[in-house]
N, C-alpha and C. Protein backbone atom coordinates (compact mmCIF):
# COMPACT_ATOMS: atom_id res chain seq x y z
N MET A 1 140.28 69.65 89.29
CA MET A 1 141.70 69.61 89.06
C MET A 1 141.99 68.91 87.74
N GLN A 2 143.05 69.35 87.07
CA GLN A 2 143.38 68.82 85.76
C GLN A 2 144.88 68.50 85.73
N VAL A 3 145.22 67.30 85.29
CA VAL A 3 146.62 66.89 85.14
C VAL A 3 146.90 66.74 83.65
N ILE A 4 147.99 67.33 83.18
CA ILE A 4 148.35 67.27 81.76
C ILE A 4 149.58 66.38 81.61
N GLN A 5 149.49 65.46 80.65
CA GLN A 5 150.55 64.51 80.37
C GLN A 5 151.02 64.70 78.93
N ALA A 6 152.32 64.71 78.69
CA ALA A 6 152.87 64.77 77.33
C ALA A 6 153.01 63.34 76.83
N ILE A 7 152.38 63.05 75.69
CA ILE A 7 152.40 61.70 75.12
C ILE A 7 152.66 61.79 73.62
N ARG A 8 152.72 60.66 72.97
CA ARG A 8 152.76 60.58 71.50
C ARG A 8 151.35 60.30 71.02
N CYS A 9 150.97 60.93 69.93
CA CYS A 9 149.64 60.75 69.37
C CYS A 9 149.47 59.31 68.88
N PRO A 10 148.38 58.64 69.27
CA PRO A 10 148.14 57.28 68.79
C PRO A 10 147.81 57.22 67.31
N ASN A 11 147.49 58.36 66.71
CA ASN A 11 147.12 58.42 65.29
C ASN A 11 148.34 58.65 64.40
N CYS A 12 149.15 59.67 64.72
CA CYS A 12 150.25 60.04 63.82
C CYS A 12 151.64 59.94 64.46
N GLY A 13 151.72 59.81 65.78
CA GLY A 13 153.00 59.69 66.46
C GLY A 13 153.65 61.00 66.86
N SER A 14 153.02 62.12 66.54
CA SER A 14 153.55 63.43 66.92
C SER A 14 153.33 63.68 68.41
N PRO A 15 154.04 64.64 68.98
CA PRO A 15 153.78 65.00 70.38
C PRO A 15 152.32 65.44 70.56
N ALA A 16 151.69 64.96 71.61
CA ALA A 16 150.28 65.28 71.90
C ALA A 16 150.12 65.48 73.40
N GLU A 17 148.91 65.78 73.82
CA GLU A 17 148.63 66.01 75.24
C GLU A 17 147.47 65.14 75.68
N ARG A 18 147.58 64.66 76.92
CA ARG A 18 146.47 63.93 77.54
C ARG A 18 146.11 64.67 78.82
N PHE A 19 144.85 65.05 78.91
CA PHE A 19 144.34 65.78 80.08
C PHE A 19 143.50 64.83 80.93
N HIS A 20 143.84 64.72 82.21
CA HIS A 20 143.04 63.93 83.15
C HIS A 20 142.22 64.93 83.95
N ILE A 21 140.92 64.98 83.71
CA ILE A 21 140.03 65.95 84.33
C ILE A 21 139.31 65.23 85.47
N HIS A 22 139.75 65.48 86.71
CA HIS A 22 139.31 64.70 87.85
C HIS A 22 137.87 64.92 88.29
N PRO A 23 137.36 66.14 88.41
CA PRO A 23 135.98 66.26 88.91
C PRO A 23 134.96 65.56 88.00
N ASP A 24 135.20 65.59 86.70
CA ASP A 24 134.26 64.99 85.75
C ASP A 24 134.61 63.56 85.38
N GLN A 25 135.75 63.05 85.88
CA GLN A 25 136.23 61.70 85.59
C GLN A 25 136.38 61.48 84.08
N LEU A 26 137.02 62.43 83.41
CA LEU A 26 137.22 62.35 81.97
C LEU A 26 138.71 62.35 81.64
N THR A 27 139.05 61.73 80.52
CA THR A 27 140.40 61.80 79.97
C THR A 27 140.27 62.29 78.53
N ARG A 28 140.97 63.38 78.21
CA ARG A 28 140.92 63.95 76.86
C ARG A 28 142.31 63.88 76.26
N THR A 29 142.43 63.19 75.13
CA THR A 29 143.69 63.09 74.40
C THR A 29 143.53 63.88 73.11
N GLN A 30 144.48 64.78 72.84
CA GLN A 30 144.37 65.59 71.63
C GLN A 30 145.73 65.84 71.02
N CYS A 31 145.72 65.95 69.68
CA CYS A 31 146.93 66.21 68.91
C CYS A 31 146.67 67.40 68.00
N GLY A 32 147.52 68.41 68.09
CA GLY A 32 147.38 69.59 67.24
C GLY A 32 147.90 69.37 65.84
N GLU A 33 148.71 68.35 65.66
CA GLU A 33 149.31 68.08 64.35
C GLU A 33 148.32 67.43 63.38
N CYS A 34 147.59 66.40 63.83
CA CYS A 34 146.67 65.68 62.93
C CYS A 34 145.20 65.86 63.30
N ASP A 35 144.92 66.66 64.34
CA ASP A 35 143.55 66.97 64.77
C ASP A 35 142.85 65.78 65.42
N TYR A 36 143.61 64.85 66.01
CA TYR A 36 143.06 63.70 66.72
C TYR A 36 142.43 64.16 68.04
N LEU A 37 141.30 63.59 68.40
CA LEU A 37 140.64 63.88 69.67
C LEU A 37 139.95 62.62 70.17
N MET A 38 140.17 62.30 71.44
CA MET A 38 139.48 61.17 72.07
C MET A 38 139.16 61.57 73.51
N ILE A 39 137.88 61.54 73.85
CA ILE A 39 137.44 61.83 75.21
C ILE A 39 136.80 60.56 75.75
N THR A 40 137.32 60.08 76.87
CA THR A 40 136.81 58.86 77.48
C THR A 40 136.47 59.10 78.95
N CYS A 41 135.61 58.24 79.48
CA CYS A 41 135.30 58.25 80.89
C CYS A 41 136.42 57.51 81.61
N SER A 42 137.05 58.15 82.59
CA SER A 42 138.16 57.53 83.31
C SER A 42 137.70 56.34 84.15
N LYS A 43 136.47 56.37 84.57
CA LYS A 43 135.96 55.31 85.45
C LYS A 43 135.58 54.06 84.66
N THR A 44 134.86 54.23 83.56
CA THR A 44 134.35 53.07 82.81
C THR A 44 135.15 52.74 81.56
N GLY A 45 135.92 53.72 81.05
CA GLY A 45 136.69 53.52 79.83
C GLY A 45 135.87 53.72 78.56
N LYS A 46 134.60 54.07 78.69
CA LYS A 46 133.74 54.27 77.52
C LYS A 46 134.11 55.56 76.79
N VAL A 47 134.03 55.50 75.46
CA VAL A 47 134.34 56.66 74.63
C VAL A 47 133.14 57.61 74.63
N ILE A 48 133.40 58.86 74.95
CA ILE A 48 132.36 59.89 74.96
C ILE A 48 132.32 60.58 73.61
N GLU A 49 133.51 60.95 73.11
CA GLU A 49 133.61 61.62 71.81
C GLU A 49 134.95 61.25 71.19
N ALA A 50 134.94 61.08 69.87
CA ALA A 50 136.19 60.73 69.17
C ALA A 50 136.19 61.34 67.78
N TYR A 51 137.37 61.79 67.37
CA TYR A 51 137.55 62.30 66.02
C TYR A 51 139.00 62.00 65.63
N ALA A 52 139.17 61.23 64.59
CA ALA A 52 140.50 60.88 64.14
C ALA A 52 140.53 60.84 62.62
N PRO A 53 140.92 61.93 61.99
CA PRO A 53 141.00 61.94 60.54
C PRO A 53 142.04 60.92 60.08
N GLY A 54 141.69 60.18 59.06
CA GLY A 54 142.60 59.18 58.54
C GLY A 54 142.40 57.79 59.12
N ILE A 55 141.60 57.65 60.16
CA ILE A 55 141.28 56.33 60.72
C ILE A 55 139.83 56.05 60.38
N TYR A 56 139.61 54.97 59.68
CA TYR A 56 138.26 54.65 59.23
C TYR A 56 137.69 53.46 60.01
N ALA A 57 136.44 53.57 60.37
CA ALA A 57 135.77 52.48 61.09
C ALA A 57 135.48 51.33 60.15
N ARG A 58 135.53 50.11 60.67
CA ARG A 58 135.18 48.94 59.87
C ARG A 58 133.69 48.92 59.64
N ARG A 59 133.31 48.38 58.51
CA ARG A 59 131.87 48.29 58.20
C ARG A 59 131.35 46.92 58.50
């Protein structure tokens, strides 16, 4: 089962979607405007995959 939530993108603030994928215990947040993507484990909160153009990791 999959639940879809309308949210604001944490990267650019545009309308985005958050998918709660229950059998796999995943949460996928994506924005079509800035190409943001974040997939996390719903149970542990660990990041599985992330892509956010314009956000740079600290060195």
